[in-house]
Amino acid sequence: MNAGWLAQLAADHAPPRAGWFPPAIGWWVAAACALLSAALVVWIVRWWREPRRLLKRAALRELRLIRSSPLQGPEAARAIESLLRRHAVALHGSGRVARLTGEKWLAFASASGAEALAGATGRSLLAAAFGAGRREPAREPGLDRERWLAAAAELIRRSGRMERA
């Protein structure tokens, strides 16, 4: 063998340096995933912090406090009625809701999503809260309270869009 065979080989040279652009397809996919994730996080935060949802969560939280409290009879009715009225005023504005009383209030509540308040449940709630003077037949003490709480929860959960003043 000839010792000069190494000298006959071509000179060393490295392949050309890889450019930074265009990136490989994996980087494009990663960038798209990052943008989609950021957009999703922004959308979820805005959805969660929507004023109507905040109002609904606060009202349901207060309703749970009323449910867990020892209030019975007129005290419970006044607390539930006050909560429903404040919720409706915050949602629909005082111009539309504040003057409603009696059957007009119950019709509004029924139209807003709480059909249970249109009947005897709503009338018994108002009678207990504001002492309408007429007595209904004696019932089991917690029965009306549970019906009022269920109707209030239904109204709060089904409440419509907020109206701009």
C-alpha atoms as a PDB file:
ATOM      1  CA  MET A   1       0.000   0.000   0.000  1.00  0.00           C
ATOM      2  CA  ASN A   2       0.993   3.470  -0.690  1.00  0.00           C
ATOM      3  CA  ALA A   3       1.508   5.706   2.328  1.00  0.00           C
ATOM      4  CA  GLY A   4       0.456   8.834   0.447  1.00  0.00           C
ATOM      5  CA  TRP A   5      -3.083   7.724  -0.082  1.00  0.00           C
ATOM      6  CA  LEU A   6      -4.280  10.157   2.605  1.00  0.00           C
ATOM      7  CA  ALA A   7      -2.826  13.032   0.645  1.00  0.00           C
ATOM      8  CA  GLN A   8      -4.923  12.039  -2.332  1.00  0.00           C
ATOM      9  CA  LEU A   9      -8.201  12.580  -0.445  1.00  0.00           C
ATOM     10  CA  ALA A  10     -10.183  15.788  -0.832  1.00  0.00           C
ATOM     11  CA  ALA A  11      -9.736  18.557   1.732  1.00  0.00           C
ATOM     12  CA  ASP A  12     -11.913  18.572   4.833  1.00  0.00           C
ATOM     13  CA  HIS A  13     -15.021  20.730   4.697  1.00  0.00           C
ATOM     14  CA  ALA A  14     -18.091  20.885   6.887  1.00  0.00           C
ATOM     15  CA  PRO A  15     -21.568  21.039   5.454  1.00  0.00           C
ATOM     16  CA  PRO A  16     -23.038  24.568   5.174  1.00  0.00           C
ATOM     17  CA  ARG A  17     -24.382  26.035   8.374  1.00  0.00           C
ATOM     18  CA  ALA A  18     -28.161  25.547   8.824  1.00  0.00           C
ATOM     19  CA  GLY A  19     -30.156  28.764   8.596  1.00  0.00           C
ATOM     20  CA  TRP A  20     -32.585  29.862  11.276  1.00  0.00           C
ATOM     21  CA  PHE A  21     -35.399  30.448   8.797  1.00  0.00           C
ATOM     22  CA  PRO A  22     -37.645  28.788   7.860  1.00  0.00           C
ATOM     23  CA  PRO A  23     -38.066  26.796  11.060  1.00  0.00           C
ATOM     24  CA  ALA A  24     -38.952  23.154  10.942  1.00  0.00           C
ATOM     25  CA  ILE A  25     -42.621  22.158  10.919  1.00  0.00           C
ATOM     26  CA  GLY A  26     -42.469  21.253  14.610  1.00  0.00           C
ATOM     27  CA  TRP A  27     -41.726  24.875  15.531  1.00  0.00           C
ATOM     28  CA  TRP A  28     -44.684  26.082  13.458  1.00  0.00           C
ATOM     29  CA  VAL A  29     -46.952  23.591  15.234  1.00  0.00           C
ATOM     30  CA  ALA A  30     -45.597  24.623  18.644  1.00  0.00           C
ATOM     31  CA  ALA A  31     -46.158  28.320  17.851  1.00  0.00           C
ATOM     32  CA  ALA A  32     -49.714  27.645  16.692  1.00  0.00           C
ATOM     33  CA  CYS A  33     -50.437  25.622  19.844  1.00  0.00           C
ATOM     34  CA  ALA A  34     -49.050  28.416  22.027  1.00  0.00           C
ATOM     35  CA  LEU A  35     -51.210  31.032  20.286  1.00  0.00           C
ATOM     36  CA  LEU A  36     -54.319  28.872  20.519  1.00  0.00           C
ATOM     37  CA  SER A  37     -53.649  28.155  24.196  1.00  0.00           C
ATOM     38  CA  ALA A  38     -53.201  31.857  24.954  1.00  0.00           C
ATOM     39  CA  ALA A  39     -56.418  32.722  23.102  1.00  0.00           C
ATOM     40  CA  LEU A  40     -58.283  29.971  24.968  1.00  0.00           C
ATOM     41  CA  VAL A  41     -57.027  31.193  28.349  1.00  0.00           C
ATOM     42  CA  VAL A  42     -58.073  34.784  27.537  1.00  0.00           C
ATOM     43  CA  TRP A  43     -61.516  33.612  26.402  1.00  0.00           C
ATOM     44  CA  ILE A  44     -62.040  31.472  29.538  1.00  0.00           C
ATOM     45  CA  VAL A  45     -61.004  34.319  31.847  1.00  0.00           C
ATOM     46  CA  ARG A  46     -63.318  36.784  30.085  1.00  0.00           C
ATOM     47  CA  TRP A  47     -66.161  34.256  30.122  1.00  0.00           C
ATOM     48  CA  TRP A  48     -65.642  33.511  33.835  1.00  0.00           C
ATOM     49  CA  ARG A  49     -65.477  37.195  34.765  1.00  0.00           C
ATOM     50  CA  GLU A  50     -68.527  38.247  32.774  1.00  0.00           C
ATOM     51  CA  PRO A  51     -70.637  40.511  35.018  1.00  0.00           C
ATOM     52  CA  ARG A  52     -73.773  38.402  34.638  1.00  0.00           C
ATOM     53  CA  ARG A  53     -71.928  35.278  35.746  1.00  0.00           C
ATOM     54  CA  LEU A  54     -70.352  37.087  38.695  1.00  0.00           C
ATOM     55  CA  LEU A  55     -73.790  38.323  39.726  1.00  0.00           C
ATOM     56  CA  LYS A  56     -75.292  34.862  39.366  1.00  0.00           C
ATOM     57  CA  ARG A  57     -72.526  33.205  41.394  1.00  0.00           C
ATOM     58  CA  ALA A  58     -72.820  35.812  44.159  1.00  0.00           C
ATOM     59  CA  ALA A  59     -76.607  35.375  44.322  1.00  0.00           C
ATOM     60  CA  LEU A  60     -76.342  31.578  44.431  1.00  0.00           C
ATOM     61  CA  ARG A  61     -73.695  31.869  47.161  1.00  0.00           C
ATOM     62  CA  GLU A  62     -76.026  34.054  49.226  1.00  0.00           C
ATOM     63  CA  LEU A  63     -78.897  31.646  48.582  1.00  0.00           C
ATOM     64  CA  ARG A  64     -76.747  28.797  49.944  1.00  0.00           C
ATOM     65  CA  LEU A  65     -76.111  30.905  53.061  1.00  0.00           C
ATOM     66  CA  ILE A  66     -79.854  31.422  53.487  1.00  0.00           C
ATOM     67  CA  ARG A  67     -80.434  27.691  53.007  1.00  0.00           C
ATOM     68  CA  SER A  68     -77.873  26.803  55.671  1.00  0.00           C
ATOM     69  CA  SER A  69     -79.164  29.439  58.101  1.00  0.00           C
ATOM     70  CA  PRO A  70     -81.753  28.633  60.778  1.00  0.00           C
ATOM     71  CA  LEU A  71     -84.204  31.205  59.343  1.00  0.00           C
ATOM     72  CA  GLN A  72     -87.788  29.979  59.127  1.00  0.00           C
ATOM     73  CA  GLY A  73     -91.127  31.486  58.146  1.00  0.00           C
ATOM     74  CA  PRO A  74     -91.265  35.256  57.629  1.00  0.00           C
ATOM     75  CA  GLU A  75     -87.538  35.787  58.222  1.00  0.00           C
ATOM     76  CA  ALA A  76     -86.622  33.265  55.529  1.00  0.00           C
ATOM     77  CA  ALA A  77     -89.253  34.694  53.175  1.00  0.00           C
ATOM     78  CA  ARG A  78     -87.927  38.243  53.648  1.00  0.00           C
ATOM     79  CA  ALA A  79     -84.330  37.121  53.078  1.00  0.00           C
ATOM     80  CA  ILE A  80     -85.257  35.222  49.904  1.00  0.00           C
ATOM     81  CA  GLU A  81     -87.473  38.032  48.593  1.00  0.00           C
ATOM     82  CA  SER A  82     -84.751  40.608  49.277  1.00  0.00           C
ATOM     83  CA  LEU A  83     -82.170  38.500  47.468  1.00  0.00           C
ATOM     84  CA  LEU A  84     -84.439  37.986  44.451  1.00  0.00           C
ATOM     85  CA  ARG A  85     -85.304  41.674  44.292  1.00  0.00           C
ATOM     86  CA  ARG A  86     -81.632  42.772  44.522  1.00  0.00           C
ATOM     87  CA  HIS A  87     -80.660  40.241  41.880  1.00  0.00           C
ATOM     88  CA  ALA A  88     -83.395  41.434  39.522  1.00  0.00           C
ATOM     89  CA  VAL A  89     -82.542  45.112  40.060  1.00  0.00           C
ATOM     90  CA  ALA A  90     -78.849  44.449  39.409  1.00  0.00           C
ATOM     91  CA  LEU A  91     -79.669  42.447  36.301  1.00  0.00           C
ATOM     92  CA  HIS A  92     -82.513  44.460  34.763  1.00  0.00           C
ATOM     93  CA  GLY A  93     -82.146  47.891  36.334  1.00  0.00           C
ATOM     94  CA  SER A  94     -84.208  49.655  38.946  1.00  0.00           C
ATOM     95  CA  GLY A  95     -86.392  51.405  36.375  1.00  0.00           C
ATOM     96  CA  ARG A  96     -87.871  48.127  35.247  1.00  0.00           C
ATOM     97  CA  VAL A  97     -88.002  46.181  38.501  1.00  0.00           C
ATOM     98  CA  ALA A  98     -88.128  48.474  41.535  1.00  0.00           C
ATOM     99  CA  ARG A  99     -91.806  49.440  41.189  1.00  0.00           C
ATOM    100  CA  LEU A 100     -93.107  45.903  40.690  1.00  0.00           C
ATOM    101  CA  THR A 101     -95.150  44.543  43.583  1.00  0.00           C
ATOM    102  CA  GLY A 102     -97.516  41.674  44.237  1.00  0.00           C
ATOM    103  CA  GLU A 103     -98.825  39.873  41.175  1.00  0.00           C
ATOM    104  CA  LYS A 104     -96.815  42.094  38.807  1.00  0.00           C
ATOM    105  CA  TRP A 105     -93.605  41.086  40.593  1.00  0.00           C
ATOM    106  CA  LEU A 106     -94.597  37.412  40.431  1.00  0.00           C
ATOM    107  CA  ALA A 107     -95.444  37.749  36.712  1.00  0.00           C
ATOM    108  CA  PHE A 108     -92.053  39.348  36.093  1.00  0.00           C
ATOM    109  CA  ALA A 109     -90.292  36.601  38.064  1.00  0.00           C
ATOM    110  CA  SER A 110     -92.214  33.954  36.145  1.00  0.00           C
ATOM    111  CA  ALA A 111     -91.316  35.568  32.826  1.00  0.00           C
ATOM    112  CA  SER A 112     -87.672  35.751  33.937  1.00  0.00           C
ATOM    113  CA  GLY A 113     -87.443  32.011  34.416  1.00  0.00           C
ATOM    114  CA  ALA A 114     -89.043  31.018  37.712  1.00  0.00           C
ATOM    115  CA  GLU A 115     -92.373  29.522  36.716  1.00  0.00           C
ATOM    116  CA  ALA A 116     -92.781  28.180  40.257  1.00  0.00           C
ATOM    117  CA  LEU A 117     -93.143  31.726  41.579  1.00  0.00           C
ATOM    118  CA  ALA A 118     -96.201  32.354  39.404  1.00  0.00           C
ATOM    119  CA  GLY A 119     -98.435  30.104  41.495  1.00  0.00           C
ATOM    120  CA  ALA A 120     -99.081  29.375  45.127  1.00  0.00           C
ATOM    121  CA  THR A 121     -95.375  29.291  45.957  1.00  0.00           C
ATOM    122  CA  GLY A 122     -94.892  32.908  44.925  1.00  0.00           C
ATOM    123  CA  ARG A 123     -98.028  34.089  46.681  1.00  0.00           C
ATOM    124  CA  SER A 124     -97.050  32.280  49.892  1.00  0.00           C
ATOM    125  CA  LEU A 125     -93.555  33.825  49.676  1.00  0.00           C
ATOM    126  CA  LEU A 126     -95.006  37.339  49.390  1.00  0.00           C
ATOM    127  CA  ALA A 127     -97.609  36.682  52.079  1.00  0.00           C
ATOM    128  CA  ALA A 128     -94.986  35.419  54.502  1.00  0.00           C
ATOM    129  CA  ALA A 129     -92.480  38.169  53.675  1.00  0.00           C
ATOM    130  CA  PHE A 130     -94.850  41.107  53.779  1.00  0.00           C
ATOM    131  CA  GLY A 131     -97.707  39.791  55.941  1.00  0.00           C
ATOM    132  CA  ALA A 132    -100.542  39.984  53.461  1.00  0.00           C
ATOM    133  CA  GLY A 133    -103.012  39.406  56.285  1.00  0.00           C
ATOM    134  CA  ARG A 134    -104.588  36.225  54.986  1.00  0.00           C
ATOM    135  CA  ARG A 135    -103.629  32.943  56.486  1.00  0.00           C
ATOM    136  CA  GLU A 136    -103.104  29.846  54.443  1.00  0.00           C
ATOM    137  CA  PRO A 137    -103.766  26.417  55.887  1.00  0.00           C
ATOM    138  CA  ALA A 138    -101.103  25.220  58.299  1.00  0.00           C
ATOM    139  CA  ARG A 139     -98.385  23.219  56.598  1.00  0.00           C
ATOM    140  CA  GLU A 140     -95.218  21.524  57.577  1.00  0.00           C
ATOM    141  CA  PRO A 141     -92.863  24.378  58.664  1.00  0.00           C
ATOM    142  CA  GLY A 142     -89.960  23.633  56.312  1.00  0.00           C
ATOM    143  CA  LEU A 143     -92.082  22.783  53.285  1.00  0.00           C
ATOM    144  CA  ASP A 144     -92.724  26.345  52.125  1.00  0.00           C
ATOM    145  CA  ARG A 145     -89.136  27.347  52.841  1.00  0.00           C
ATOM    146  CA  GLU A 146     -87.773  24.576  50.619  1.00  0.00           C
ATOM    147  CA  ARG A 147     -90.186  25.486  47.811  1.00  0.00           C
ATOM    148  CA  TRP A 148     -89.175  29.155  48.090  1.00  0.00           C
ATOM    149  CA  LEU A 149     -85.494  28.248  47.977  1.00  0.00           C
ATOM    150  CA  ALA A 150     -85.986  25.981  44.954  1.00  0.00           C
ATOM    151  CA  ALA A 151     -87.954  28.674  43.107  1.00  0.00           C
ATOM    152  CA  ALA A 152     -85.330  31.300  43.969  1.00  0.00           C
ATOM    153  CA  ALA A 153     -82.524  29.066  42.721  1.00  0.00           C
ATOM    154  CA  GLU A 154     -84.470  28.465  39.510  1.00  0.00           C
ATOM    155  CA  LEU A 155     -84.935  32.218  38.980  1.00  0.00           C
ATOM    156  CA  ILE A 156     -81.276  32.982  39.590  1.00  0.00           C
ATOM    157  CA  ARG A 157     -80.000  30.183  37.350  1.00  0.00           C
ATOM    158  CA  ARG A 158     -82.354  31.064  34.496  1.00  0.00           C
ATOM    159  CA  SER A 159     -81.967  34.809  34.735  1.00  0.00           C
ATOM    160  CA  GLY A 160     -81.474  36.437  31.366  1.00  0.00           C
ATOM    161  CA  ARG A 161     -79.016  38.909  29.975  1.00  0.00           C
ATOM    162  CA  MET A 162     -78.096  42.089  31.785  1.00  0.00           C
ATOM    163  CA  GLU A 163     -79.689  45.213  30.410  1.00  0.00           C
ATOM    164  CA  ARG A 164     -77.560  48.265  29.876  1.00  0.00           C
ATOM    165  CA  ALA A 165     -78.812  51.415  31.548  1.00  0.00           C
END
